[in-house]
Amino acid sequence: MSEAYAQGPATAALLEETIGANLEQTVARFGEREALASFGQDLRYTWTELNDAVDELARGLIAAGVAK
């Protein structure tokens, strides 16, 4: 049986940076552009607003004792 779709490379190239660092770079480049829209919840976030929400969540997890 053959596969129904084409596949790319088995391994994707790594960015060589953390997710947080990549988010900060994206915010610096596109801060006021829309990053996320949830139509069911009627929410829209710019990259700056999304980054602020991520930081708030991280602070809450740290305060709750969540660690690596």
PDB file of N, CA and C in Angstrom:
ATOM      1  N   MET A   1       0.853  -1.169   0.000  1.00  0.00           N
ATOM      2  CA  MET A   1       0.000   0.000   0.000  1.00  0.00           C
ATOM      3  C   MET A   1       0.904   1.239   0.000  1.00  0.00           C
ATOM      4  N   SER A   2       0.601   2.211  -0.837  1.00  0.00           N
ATOM      5  CA  SER A   2       1.395   3.438  -0.868  1.00  0.00           C
ATOM      6  C   SER A   2       0.741   4.504   0.006  1.00  0.00           C
ATOM      7  N   GLU A   3       1.571   5.474   0.430  1.00  0.00           N
ATOM      8  CA  GLU A   3       1.053   6.556   1.258  1.00  0.00           C
ATOM      9  C   GLU A   3       0.273   7.544   0.405  1.00  0.00           C
ATOM     10  N   ALA A   4      -0.691   8.213   1.009  1.00  0.00           N
ATOM     11  CA  ALA A   4      -1.582   9.122   0.289  1.00  0.00           C
ATOM     12  C   ALA A   4      -1.060  10.547   0.248  1.00  0.00           C
ATOM     13  N   TYR A   5       0.094  10.800   0.828  1.00  0.00           N
ATOM     14  CA  TYR A   5       0.618  12.163   0.850  1.00  0.00           C
ATOM     15  C   TYR A   5       2.146  12.127   0.778  1.00  0.00           C
ATOM     16  N   ALA A   6       2.703  13.218   0.346  1.00  0.00           N
ATOM     17  CA  ALA A   6       4.158  13.330   0.269  1.00  0.00           C
ATOM     18  C   ALA A   6       4.729  13.701   1.627  1.00  0.00           C
ATOM     19  N   GLN A   7       5.926  13.237   1.904  1.00  0.00           N
ATOM     20  CA  GLN A   7       6.591  13.560   3.151  1.00  0.00           C
ATOM     21  C   GLN A   7       7.864  14.327   2.863  1.00  0.00           C
ATOM     22  N   GLY A   8       8.158  15.261   3.741  1.00  0.00           N
ATOM     23  CA  GLY A   8       9.399  16.015   3.645  1.00  0.00           C
ATOM     24  C   GLY A   8      10.512  15.296   4.375  1.00  0.00           C
ATOM     25  N   PRO A   9      11.562  16.025   4.712  1.00  0.00           N
ATOM     26  CA  PRO A   9      12.675  15.421   5.434  1.00  0.00           C
ATOM     27  C   PRO A   9      12.216  14.827   6.767  1.00  0.00           C
ATOM     28  N   ALA A  10      12.900  13.796   7.200  1.00  0.00           N
ATOM     29  CA  ALA A  10      12.532  13.117   8.440  1.00  0.00           C
ATOM     30  C   ALA A  10      12.816  13.974   9.662  1.00  0.00           C
ATOM     31  N   THR A  11      13.806  14.845   9.584  1.00  0.00           N
ATOM     32  CA  THR A  11      14.120  15.698  10.720  1.00  0.00           C
ATOM     33  C   THR A  11      14.129  17.154  10.273  1.00  0.00           C
ATOM     34  N   ALA A  12      13.501  17.998  11.060  1.00  0.00           N
ATOM     35  CA  ALA A  12      13.470  19.428  10.754  1.00  0.00           C
ATOM     36  C   ALA A  12      14.716  20.092  11.326  1.00  0.00           C
ATOM     37  N   ALA A  13      15.162  21.140  10.669  1.00  0.00           N
ATOM     38  CA  ALA A  13      16.312  21.886  11.175  1.00  0.00           C
ATOM     39  C   ALA A  13      15.957  22.575  12.484  1.00  0.00           C
ATOM     40  N   LEU A  14      16.885  22.567  13.427  1.00  0.00           N
ATOM     41  CA  LEU A  14      16.653  23.217  14.709  1.00  0.00           C
ATOM     42  C   LEU A  14      16.926  24.706  14.595  1.00  0.00           C
ATOM     43  N   LEU A  15      16.241  25.502  15.399  1.00  0.00           N
ATOM     44  CA  LEU A  15      16.418  26.949  15.373  1.00  0.00           C
ATOM     45  C   LEU A  15      17.656  27.399  16.139  1.00  0.00           C
ATOM     46  N   GLU A  16      18.202  26.542  17.011  1.00  0.00           N
ATOM     47  CA  GLU A  16      19.364  26.890  17.833  1.00  0.00           C
ATOM     48  C   GLU A  16      19.075  28.033  18.799  1.00  0.00           C
ATOM     49  N   GLU A  17      17.808  28.151  19.247  1.00  0.00           N
ATOM     50  CA  GLU A  17      17.427  29.143  20.243  1.00  0.00           C
ATOM     51  C   GLU A  17      16.230  28.614  21.013  1.00  0.00           C
ATOM     52  N   THR A  18      15.973  29.201  22.163  1.00  0.00           N
ATOM     53  CA  THR A  18      14.836  28.753  22.966  1.00  0.00           C
ATOM     54  C   THR A  18      13.529  29.284  22.371  1.00  0.00           C
ATOM     55  N   ILE A  19      12.433  28.694  22.784  1.00  0.00           N
ATOM     56  CA  ILE A  19      11.118  29.168  22.350  1.00  0.00           C
ATOM     57  C   ILE A  19      10.905  30.589  22.837  1.00  0.00           C
ATOM     58  N   GLY A  20      11.322  30.868  24.076  1.00  0.00           N
ATOM     59  CA  GLY A  20      11.181  32.214  24.629  1.00  0.00           C
ATOM     60  C   GLY A  20      11.956  33.247  23.835  1.00  0.00           C
ATOM     61  N   ALA A  21      13.193  32.916  23.470  1.00  0.00           N
ATOM     62  CA  ALA A  21      14.011  33.845  22.681  1.00  0.00           C
ATOM     63  C   ALA A  21      13.385  34.073  21.311  1.00  0.00           C
ATOM     64  N   ASN A  22      12.852  33.018  20.713  1.00  0.00           N
ATOM     65  CA  ASN A  22      12.211  33.160  19.415  1.00  0.00           C
ATOM     66  C   ASN A  22      10.966  34.026  19.512  1.00  0.00           C
ATOM     67  N   LEU A  23      10.179  33.859  20.582  1.00  0.00           N
ATOM     68  CA  LEU A  23       8.992  34.685  20.787  1.00  0.00           C
ATOM     69  C   LEU A  23       9.393  36.150  20.950  1.00  0.00           C
ATOM     70  N   GLU A  24      10.431  36.420  21.740  1.00  0.00           N
ATOM     71  CA  GLU A  24      10.882  37.803  21.945  1.00  0.00           C
ATOM     72  C   GLU A  24      11.304  38.444  20.625  1.00  0.00           C
ATOM     73  N   GLN A  25      11.995  37.694  19.778  1.00  0.00           N
ATOM     74  CA  GLN A  25      12.395  38.218  18.465  1.00  0.00           C
ATOM     75  C   GLN A  25      11.176  38.512  17.595  1.00  0.00           C
ATOM     76  N   THR A  26      10.186  37.644  17.658  1.00  0.00           N
ATOM     77  CA  THR A  26       8.964  37.850  16.881  1.00  0.00           C
ATOM     78  C   THR A  26       8.231  39.090  17.370  1.00  0.00           C
ATOM     79  N   VAL A  27       8.169  39.279  18.677  1.00  0.00           N
ATOM     80  CA  VAL A  27       7.524  40.460  19.255  1.00  0.00           C
ATOM     81  C   VAL A  27       8.253  41.724  18.797  1.00  0.00           C
ATOM     82  N   ALA A  28       9.578  41.683  18.800  1.00  0.00           N
ATOM     83  CA  ALA A  28      10.360  42.853  18.381  1.00  0.00           C
ATOM     84  C   ALA A  28      10.086  43.205  16.919  1.00  0.00           C
ATOM     85  N   ARG A  29       9.856  42.203  16.094  1.00  0.00           N
ATOM     86  CA  ARG A  29       9.626  42.443  14.660  1.00  0.00           C
ATOM     87  C   ARG A  29       8.172  42.780  14.338  1.00  0.00           C
ATOM     88  N   PHE A  30       7.251  42.115  15.019  1.00  0.00           N
ATOM     89  CA  PHE A  30       5.841  42.199  14.619  1.00  0.00           C
ATOM     90  C   PHE A  30       4.909  42.545  15.777  1.00  0.00           C
ATOM     91  N   GLY A  31       5.383  43.223  16.803  1.00  0.00           N
ATOM     92  CA  GLY A  31       4.654  43.451  18.045  1.00  0.00           C
ATOM     93  C   GLY A  31       3.190  43.810  17.924  1.00  0.00           C
ATOM     94  N   GLU A  32       2.843  44.714  17.036  1.00  0.00           N
ATOM     95  CA  GLU A  32       1.445  45.171  16.946  1.00  0.00           C
ATOM     96  C   GLU A  32       0.633  44.435  15.884  1.00  0.00           C
ATOM     97  N   ARG A  33       1.238  43.464  15.237  1.00  0.00           N
ATOM     98  CA  ARG A  33       0.474  42.640  14.285  1.00  0.00           C
ATOM     99  C   ARG A  33      -0.295  41.564  15.031  1.00  0.00           C
ATOM    100  N   GLU A  34      -1.370  41.112  14.431  1.00  0.00           N
ATOM    101  CA  GLU A  34      -2.181  40.077  15.057  1.00  0.00           C
ATOM    102  C   GLU A  34      -1.429  38.755  15.074  1.00  0.00           C
ATOM    103  N   ALA A  35      -1.421  38.118  16.235  1.00  0.00           N
ATOM    104  CA  ALA A  35      -0.741  36.846  16.408  1.00  0.00           C
ATOM    105  C   ALA A  35      -1.710  35.687  16.571  1.00  0.00           C
ATOM    106  N   LEU A  36      -2.843  35.947  17.218  1.00  0.00           N
ATOM    107  CA  LEU A  36      -3.771  34.876  17.562  1.00  0.00           C
ATOM    108  C   LEU A  36      -5.193  35.412  17.546  1.00  0.00           C
ATOM    109  N   ALA A  37      -6.078  34.644  16.939  1.00  0.00           N
ATOM    110  CA  ALA A  37      -7.500  34.993  16.953  1.00  0.00           C
ATOM    111  C   ALA A  37      -8.295  33.745  17.320  1.00  0.00           C
ATOM    112  N   SER A  38      -9.139  33.865  18.339  1.00  0.00           N
ATOM    113  CA  SER A  38     -10.023  32.786  18.748  1.00  0.00           C
ATOM    114  C   SER A  38     -11.447  33.283  18.540  1.00  0.00           C
ATOM    115  N   PHE A  39     -12.024  32.892  17.432  1.00  0.00           N
ATOM    116  CA  PHE A  39     -13.343  33.403  17.078  1.00  0.00           C
ATOM    117  C   PHE A  39     -14.430  32.901  18.015  1.00  0.00           C
ATOM    118  N   GLY A  40     -14.291  31.666  18.495  1.00  0.00           N
ATOM    119  CA  GLY A  40     -15.271  31.110  19.418  1.00  0.00           C
ATOM    120  C   GLY A  40     -15.309  31.853  20.743  1.00  0.00           C
ATOM    121  N   GLN A  41     -14.183  32.424  21.141  1.00  0.00           N
ATOM    122  CA  GLN A  41     -14.102  33.168  22.401  1.00  0.00           C
ATOM    123  C   GLN A  41     -14.090  34.671  22.159  1.00  0.00           C
ATOM    124  N   ASP A  42     -14.147  35.071  20.920  1.00  0.00           N
ATOM    125  CA  ASP A  42     -14.114  36.479  20.532  1.00  0.00           C
ATOM    126  C   ASP A  42     -12.883  37.189  21.112  1.00  0.00           C
ATOM    127  N   LEU A  43     -11.721  36.540  20.958  1.00  0.00           N
ATOM    128  CA  LEU A  43     -10.463  37.087  21.457  1.00  0.00           C
ATOM    129  C   LEU A  43      -9.491  37.316  20.308  1.00  0.00           C
ATOM    130  N   ARG A  44      -8.723  38.379  20.412  1.00  0.00           N
ATOM    131  CA  ARG A  44      -7.655  38.662  19.457  1.00  0.00           C
ATOM    132  C   ARG A  44      -6.458  39.161  20.243  1.00  0.00           C
ATOM    133  N   TYR A  45      -5.282  38.680  19.893  1.00  0.00           N
ATOM    134  CA  TYR A  45      -4.043  39.094  20.551  1.00  0.00           C
ATOM    135  C   TYR A  45      -3.037  39.555  19.511  1.00  0.00           C
ATOM    136  N   THR A  46      -2.389  40.681  19.778  1.00  0.00           N
ATOM    137  CA  THR A  46      -1.215  41.045  18.993  1.00  0.00           C
ATOM    138  C   THR A  46      -0.047  40.234  19.558  1.00  0.00           C
ATOM    139  N   TRP A  47       1.102  40.268  18.888  1.00  0.00           N
ATOM    140  CA  TRP A  47       2.270  39.561  19.404  1.00  0.00           C
ATOM    141  C   TRP A  47       2.667  40.089  20.769  1.00  0.00           C
ATOM    142  N   THR A  48       2.573  41.390  20.971  1.00  0.00           N
ATOM    143  CA  THR A  48       2.907  41.985  22.269  1.00  0.00           C
ATOM    144  C   THR A  48       1.951  41.487  23.349  1.00  0.00           C
ATOM    145  N   GLU A  49       0.654  41.471  23.062  1.00  0.00           N
ATOM    146  CA  GLU A  49      -0.343  41.004  24.033  1.00  0.00           C
ATOM    147  C   GLU A  49      -0.154  39.515  24.334  1.00  0.00           C
ATOM    148  N   LEU A  50       0.147  38.722  23.319  1.00  0.00           N
ATOM    149  CA  LEU A  50       0.376  37.292  23.516  1.00  0.00           C
ATOM    150  C   LEU A  50       1.602  37.080  24.394  1.00  0.00           C
ATOM    151  N   ASN A  51       2.667  37.825  24.135  1.00  0.00           N
ATOM    152  CA  ASN A  51       3.876  37.720  24.946  1.00  0.00           C
ATOM    153  C   ASN A  51       3.591  38.089  26.404  1.00  0.00           C
ATOM    154  N   ASP A  52       2.804  39.140  26.621  1.00  0.00           N
ATOM    155  CA  ASP A  52       2.435  39.532  27.983  1.00  0.00           C
ATOM    156  C   ASP A  52       1.649  38.421  28.678  1.00  0.00           C
ATOM    157  N   ALA A  53       0.747  37.781  27.949  1.00  0.00           N
ATOM    158  CA  ALA A  53      -0.045  36.687  28.528  1.00  0.00           C
ATOM    159  C   ALA A  53       0.846  35.485  28.851  1.00  0.00           C
ATOM    160  N   VAL A  54       1.813  35.192  27.991  1.00  0.00           N
ATOM    161  CA  VAL A  54       2.757  34.093  28.238  1.00  0.00           C
ATOM    162  C   VAL A  54       3.575  34.392  29.489  1.00  0.00           C
ATOM    163  N   ASP A  55       4.065  35.633  29.612  1.00  0.00           N
ATOM    164  CA  ASP A  55       4.842  36.016  30.795  1.00  0.00           C
ATOM    165  C   ASP A  55       4.008  35.903  32.068  1.00  0.00           C
ATOM    166  N   GLU A  56       2.748  36.321  32.003  1.00  0.00           N
ATOM    167  CA  GLU A  56       1.859  36.235  33.165  1.00  0.00           C
ATOM    168  C   GLU A  56       1.634  34.779  33.570  1.00  0.00           C
ATOM    169  N   LEU A  57       1.414  33.920  32.599  1.00  0.00           N
ATOM    170  CA  LEU A  57       1.238  32.496  32.876  1.00  0.00           C
ATOM    171  C   LEU A  57       2.506  31.918  33.500  1.00  0.00           C
ATOM    172  N   ALA A  58       3.667  32.270  32.966  1.00  0.00           N
ATOM    173  CA  ALA A  58       4.930  31.762  33.507  1.00  0.00           C
ATOM    174  C   ALA A  58       5.118  32.193  34.957  1.00  0.00           C
ATOM    175  N   ARG A  59       4.820  33.460  35.255  1.00  0.00           N
ATOM    176  CA  ARG A  59       4.930  33.937  36.635  1.00  0.00           C
ATOM    177  C   ARG A  59       3.985  33.167  37.557  1.00  0.00           C
ATOM    178  N   GLY A  60       2.779  32.885  37.087  1.00  0.00           N
ATOM    179  CA  GLY A  60       1.815  32.129  37.879  1.00  0.00           C
ATOM    180  C   GLY A  60       2.278  30.709  38.145  1.00  0.00           C
ATOM    181  N   LEU A  61       2.862  30.074  37.137  1.00  0.00           N
ATOM    182  CA  LEU A  61       3.371  28.709  37.323  1.00  0.00           C
ATOM    183  C   LEU A  61       4.542  28.677  38.301  1.00  0.00           C
ATOM    184  N   ILE A  62       5.425  29.664  38.189  1.00  0.00           N
ATOM    185  CA  ILE A  62       6.556  29.748  39.116  1.00  0.00           C
ATOM    186  C   ILE A  62       6.050  29.967  40.541  1.00  0.00           C
ATOM    187  N   ALA A  63       5.084  30.864  40.702  1.00  0.00           N
ATOM    188  CA  ALA A  63       4.520  31.148  42.029  1.00  0.00           C
ATOM    189  C   ALA A  63       3.838  29.904  42.615  1.00  0.00           C
ATOM    190  N   ALA A  64       3.297  29.053  41.748  1.00  0.00           N
ATOM    191  CA  ALA A  64       2.638  27.834  42.216  1.00  0.00           C
ATOM    192  C   ALA A  64       3.638  26.710  42.501  1.00  0.00           C
ATOM    193  N   GLY A  65       4.918  26.969  42.242  1.00  0.00           N
ATOM    194  CA  GLY A  65       5.937  25.966  42.542  1.00  0.00           C
ATOM    195  C   GLY A  65       6.277  25.044  41.404  1.00  0.00           C
ATOM    196  N   VAL A  66       5.771  25.325  40.220  1.00  0.00           N
ATOM    197  CA  VAL A  66       6.088  24.478  39.067  1.00  0.00           C
ATOM    198  C   VAL A  66       7.532  24.771  38.648  1.00  0.00           C
ATOM    199  N   ALA A  67       8.312  23.730  38.450  1.00  0.00           N
ATOM    200  CA  ALA A  67       9.710  23.867  38.060  1.00  0.00           C
ATOM    201  C   ALA A  67       9.994  22.979  36.850  1.00  0.00           C
ATOM    202  N   LYS A  68      11.213  23.087  36.348  1.00  0.00           N
ATOM    203  CA  LYS A  68      11.627  22.262  35.203  1.00  0.00           C
ATOM    204  C   LYS A  68      11.454  20.797  35.517  1.00  0.00           C
TER     205      LYS A  68
END
